[in-house]
Amino acid sequence: MTETTINESPTVSAKKMVDWVLECARVIDENLELLNELDSTCGDADHGSNLRRGFTGVRTLLGSEPGDTPAAVLKKVGTTLVSQVGGSSGALYGTFFLRMALAAGQDRELDRAALGEALEAAARGITERGQVQVGDKTLYDSLAPAVEAYSNAQSEGRSLVDSLQLAAKAAEEGRDSTVNLTARKGRASYLGGRTVGHADAGATSMALILRAAAENLGP
């Protein structure tokens, strides 16, 4: 990764938010079978299908009503996911985007600090809604290290571009860490040791979403 300075750091507009979400929809489609397969080890084998349904709705909505601020875009995404995905995935991903929207406020564009605050708000929302912590083998195992990496990058004076790339890398490492974990939340927790040996489906989808952020919000 080529390091960039703060002076080179762009801001995040509503259009970039739309680009991010549309890329999320694309990568969920692309990884549908993988996400369903991972979910089959400790769930209903429908994590990918559920997310695709939600993001298909998001894609349709943003095509006609994209929103003129980052918060407006994020709110549309969150409310659509809650209503169309259902179950814990809908609640958690809906919370993720809705808390980002709330933190973004009415700003027309988000700078690197404001985006970091939005991500931190999303992570807090996930812990409050899902009562999860690192090590539970959930999407939070990808999100928490990503938010920490982004915050550390900000403290070091890294640009938005670098901060997002480091966050995405940390999310992928968090996803990989779930392979050796025993699930401690939801239906999967009843399977005990049988959940070891597979990455968590939620952690995998969160890593995909944060990688999409790195590729679309920063450049």
Protein backbone atom coordinates (compact mmCIF):
# COMPACT_ATOMS: atom_id res chain seq x y z
CA MET A 1 0.00 0.00 0.00
CA THR A 2 1.37 3.42 -0.97
CA GLU A 3 1.13 5.82 1.93
CA THR A 4 -0.63 9.11 1.25
CA THR A 5 -0.66 12.27 3.30
CA ILE A 6 -3.61 13.98 4.90
CA ASN A 7 -3.45 16.77 2.32
CA GLU A 8 -4.19 14.21 -0.39
CA SER A 9 -7.15 12.81 1.52
CA PRO A 10 -10.54 13.19 -0.20
CA THR A 11 -13.93 13.51 1.44
CA VAL A 12 -16.93 11.23 1.13
CA SER A 13 -19.91 12.61 -0.75
CA ALA A 14 -23.41 11.17 -1.15
CA LYS A 15 -22.37 9.90 -4.57
CA LYS A 16 -19.45 7.99 -3.09
CA MET A 17 -21.78 6.48 -0.52
CA VAL A 18 -24.04 5.30 -3.33
CA ASP A 19 -21.04 3.86 -5.17
CA TRP A 20 -20.02 1.99 -2.02
CA VAL A 21 -23.45 0.51 -1.48
CA LEU A 22 -23.81 -0.54 -5.11
CA GLU A 23 -20.44 -2.27 -4.85
CA CYS A 24 -21.68 -3.99 -1.67
CA ALA A 25 -24.63 -5.31 -3.66
CA ARG A 26 -22.28 -6.54 -6.39
CA VAL A 27 -19.89 -8.38 -4.06
CA ILE A 28 -22.75 -9.97 -2.14
CA ASP A 29 -24.08 -11.29 -5.46
CA GLU A 30 -20.62 -12.47 -6.44
CA ASN A 31 -20.09 -14.30 -3.13
CA LEU A 32 -23.66 -15.57 -2.69
CA GLU A 33 -22.77 -19.27 -2.75
CA LEU A 34 -19.81 -18.83 -0.42
CA LEU A 35 -21.90 -16.94 2.14
CA ASN A 36 -24.67 -19.53 2.00
CA GLU A 37 -22.18 -22.37 2.29
CA LEU A 38 -20.53 -20.82 5.35
CA ASP A 39 -23.94 -20.27 6.90
CA SER A 40 -24.84 -23.93 6.31
CA THR A 41 -22.27 -24.96 8.92
CA CYS A 42 -24.21 -23.34 11.75
CA GLY A 43 -27.31 -21.67 10.31
CA ASP A 44 -29.98 -21.92 7.64
CA ALA A 45 -27.62 -21.65 4.65
CA ASP A 46 -29.34 -18.43 3.58
CA HIS A 47 -27.09 -15.59 4.79
CA GLY A 48 -26.03 -14.71 1.26
CA SER A 49 -29.53 -15.04 -0.14
CA ASN A 50 -30.98 -12.83 2.57
CA LEU A 51 -28.37 -10.14 2.06
CA ARG A 52 -28.81 -10.27 -1.69
CA ARG A 53 -32.55 -9.71 -1.28
CA GLY A 54 -31.88 -6.69 0.91
CA PHE A 55 -29.22 -5.15 -1.29
CA THR A 56 -31.34 -5.75 -4.38
CA GLY A 57 -33.98 -3.61 -2.72
CA VAL A 58 -31.35 -1.03 -1.85
CA ARG A 59 -30.10 -0.96 -5.43
CA THR A 60 -33.61 -0.35 -6.73
CA LEU A 61 -34.31 2.40 -4.19
CA LEU A 62 -31.06 4.25 -4.77
CA GLY A 63 -31.61 4.06 -8.51
CA SER A 64 -34.69 6.26 -8.15
CA GLU A 65 -34.01 8.14 -4.90
CA PRO A 66 -30.27 8.27 -4.22
CA GLY A 67 -30.29 10.92 -1.47
CA ASP A 68 -28.35 14.19 -1.40
CA THR A 69 -26.25 13.67 1.73
CA PRO A 70 -24.23 10.73 3.03
CA ALA A 71 -26.68 10.37 5.91
CA ALA A 72 -29.67 10.27 3.56
CA VAL A 73 -28.07 7.46 1.57
CA LEU A 74 -27.12 5.50 4.67
CA LYS A 75 -30.58 5.86 6.18
CA LYS A 76 -32.21 4.50 3.03
CA VAL A 77 -29.85 1.54 3.09
CA GLY A 78 -30.43 0.78 6.77
CA THR A 79 -34.21 0.98 6.67
CA THR A 80 -34.35 -1.17 3.53
CA LEU A 81 -32.14 -3.87 5.01
CA VAL A 82 -34.20 -4.00 8.20
CA SER A 83 -37.43 -4.40 6.26
CA GLN A 84 -36.25 -6.80 3.56
CA VAL A 85 -33.53 -8.98 5.08
CA GLY A 86 -35.21 -9.98 8.32
CA GLY A 87 -33.73 -11.99 11.18
CA SER A 88 -30.54 -11.09 12.98
CA SER A 89 -28.70 -10.14 9.78
CA GLY A 90 -31.33 -7.56 8.88
CA ALA A 91 -31.33 -6.10 12.38
CA LEU A 92 -27.55 -5.94 12.66
CA TYR A 93 -26.78 -4.64 9.20
CA GLY A 94 -29.70 -2.23 9.45
CA THR A 95 -28.26 -0.95 12.72
CA PHE A 96 -24.81 -0.66 11.12
CA PHE A 97 -26.00 1.70 8.39
CA LEU A 98 -28.56 3.57 10.50
CA ARG A 99 -26.04 4.38 13.22
CA MET A 100 -23.62 5.60 10.56
CA ALA A 101 -26.39 7.82 9.20
CA LEU A 102 -27.14 9.27 12.62
CA ALA A 103 -23.47 10.06 13.24
CA ALA A 104 -23.07 11.64 9.79
CA GLY A 105 -25.71 14.24 10.56
CA GLN A 106 -26.50 16.79 7.88
CA ASP A 107 -22.98 17.16 6.50
CA ARG A 108 -22.83 17.29 2.72
CA GLU A 109 -19.49 15.48 2.77
CA LEU A 110 -17.63 13.50 5.42
CA ASP A 111 -13.94 14.02 6.07
CA ARG A 112 -11.72 11.26 7.41
CA ALA A 113 -12.51 12.08 11.05
CA ALA A 114 -16.28 12.21 10.48
CA LEU A 115 -16.23 8.87 8.67
CA GLY A 116 -14.29 7.37 11.55
CA GLU A 117 -16.89 8.64 14.00
CA ALA A 118 -19.63 7.10 11.87
CA LEU A 119 -17.88 3.72 11.84
CA GLU A 120 -17.37 3.86 15.60
CA ALA A 121 -21.06 4.65 16.06
CA ALA A 122 -21.96 1.69 13.87
CA ALA A 123 -19.76 -0.63 15.93
CA ARG A 124 -21.34 0.58 19.17
CA GLY A 125 -24.75 0.01 17.67
CA ILE A 126 -23.86 -3.56 16.79
CA THR A 127 -22.67 -4.32 20.32
CA GLU A 128 -25.81 -2.80 21.82
CA ARG A 129 -28.24 -4.47 19.42
CA GLY A 130 -26.55 -7.85 19.23
CA GLN A 131 -24.95 -7.99 22.70
CA VAL A 132 -21.80 -9.25 21.03
CA GLN A 133 -18.10 -8.96 21.67
CA VAL A 134 -14.93 -9.98 19.88
CA GLY A 135 -14.57 -13.75 20.01
CA ASP A 136 -18.27 -14.58 19.74
CA LYS A 137 -17.83 -15.61 16.08
CA THR A 138 -20.08 -12.95 14.55
CA LEU A 139 -19.74 -10.08 12.09
CA TYR A 140 -18.36 -8.03 14.99
CA ASP A 141 -15.14 -10.05 14.78
CA SER A 142 -14.51 -8.31 11.45
CA LEU A 143 -15.97 -4.93 12.33
CA ALA A 144 -14.22 -4.32 15.66
CA PRO A 145 -10.62 -4.71 14.39
CA ALA A 146 -11.49 -2.66 11.32
CA VAL A 147 -12.73 0.26 13.41
CA GLU A 148 -9.68 -0.01 15.65
CA ALA A 149 -7.35 -0.05 12.65
CA TYR A 150 -9.07 3.00 11.17
CA SER A 151 -8.80 4.87 14.48
CA ASN A 152 -5.12 3.98 14.86
CA ALA A 153 -4.44 5.13 11.31
CA GLN A 154 -6.11 8.45 12.07
CA SER A 155 -3.98 8.86 15.19
CA GLU A 156 -0.90 8.29 13.05
CA GLY A 157 -2.00 11.01 10.62
CA ARG A 158 -2.83 8.65 7.77
CA SER A 159 -5.08 9.75 4.94
CA LEU A 160 -8.64 8.58 4.38
CA VAL A 161 -7.44 6.27 1.63
CA ASP A 162 -4.82 4.59 3.80
CA SER A 163 -7.12 4.41 6.81
CA LEU A 164 -9.81 2.60 4.82
CA GLN A 165 -7.31 0.17 3.32
CA LEU A 166 -5.92 -0.67 6.76
CA ALA A 167 -9.44 -1.10 8.10
CA ALA A 168 -10.34 -3.49 5.29
CA LYS A 169 -7.20 -5.53 5.88
CA ALA A 170 -7.97 -5.76 9.60
CA ALA A 171 -11.53 -6.86 8.82
CA GLU A 172 -10.22 -9.68 6.63
CA GLU A 173 -7.84 -10.78 9.37
CA GLY A 174 -10.76 -10.69 11.80
CA ARG A 175 -12.81 -12.83 9.43
CA ASP A 176 -10.00 -15.35 9.23
CA SER A 177 -9.74 -15.45 13.02
CA THR A 178 -13.29 -16.81 13.25
CA VAL A 179 -12.24 -20.10 11.65
CA ASN A 180 -10.87 -21.35 14.95
CA LEU A 181 -13.59 -19.88 17.14
CA THR A 182 -16.58 -21.61 18.71
CA ALA A 183 -19.83 -19.72 18.11
CA ARG A 184 -21.24 -18.14 21.27
CA LYS A 185 -24.29 -16.35 19.89
CA GLY A 186 -27.57 -17.36 18.30
CA ARG A 187 -28.52 -20.81 17.05
CA ALA A 188 -24.91 -21.56 16.19
CA SER A 189 -23.99 -21.49 19.87
CA TYR A 190 -25.93 -24.73 20.40
CA LEU A 191 -23.60 -26.57 18.03
CA GLY A 192 -20.54 -26.00 20.19
CA GLY A 193 -17.32 -27.33 18.73
CA ARG A 194 -18.97 -28.21 15.43
CA THR A 195 -18.73 -24.55 14.46
CA VAL A 196 -14.91 -24.65 14.58
CA GLY A 197 -13.12 -24.95 11.26
CA HIS A 198 -15.26 -22.54 9.23
CA ALA A 199 -15.19 -18.77 8.93
CA ASP A 200 -18.33 -17.07 10.19
CA ALA A 201 -20.71 -16.04 7.42
CA GLY A 202 -21.47 -12.68 9.02
CA ALA A 203 -17.80 -11.90 9.58
CA THR A 204 -17.20 -12.78 5.93
CA SER A 205 -19.95 -10.52 4.60
CA MET A 206 -18.78 -7.66 6.84
CA ALA A 207 -15.23 -8.05 5.52
CA LEU A 208 -16.60 -7.86 1.97
CA ILE A 209 -18.54 -4.70 2.80
CA LEU A 210 -15.55 -3.01 4.40
CA ARG A 211 -13.30 -3.97 1.48
CA ALA A 212 -15.90 -2.37 -0.81
CA ALA A 213 -15.69 0.76 1.35
CA ALA A 214 -11.92 0.88 0.93
CA GLU A 215 -12.24 0.59 -2.83
CA ASN A 216 -15.03 3.16 -3.23
CA LEU A 217 -15.00 5.72 -0.43
CA GLY A 218 -11.34 6.61 -0.49
CA PRO A 219 -10.19 6.94 -4.12
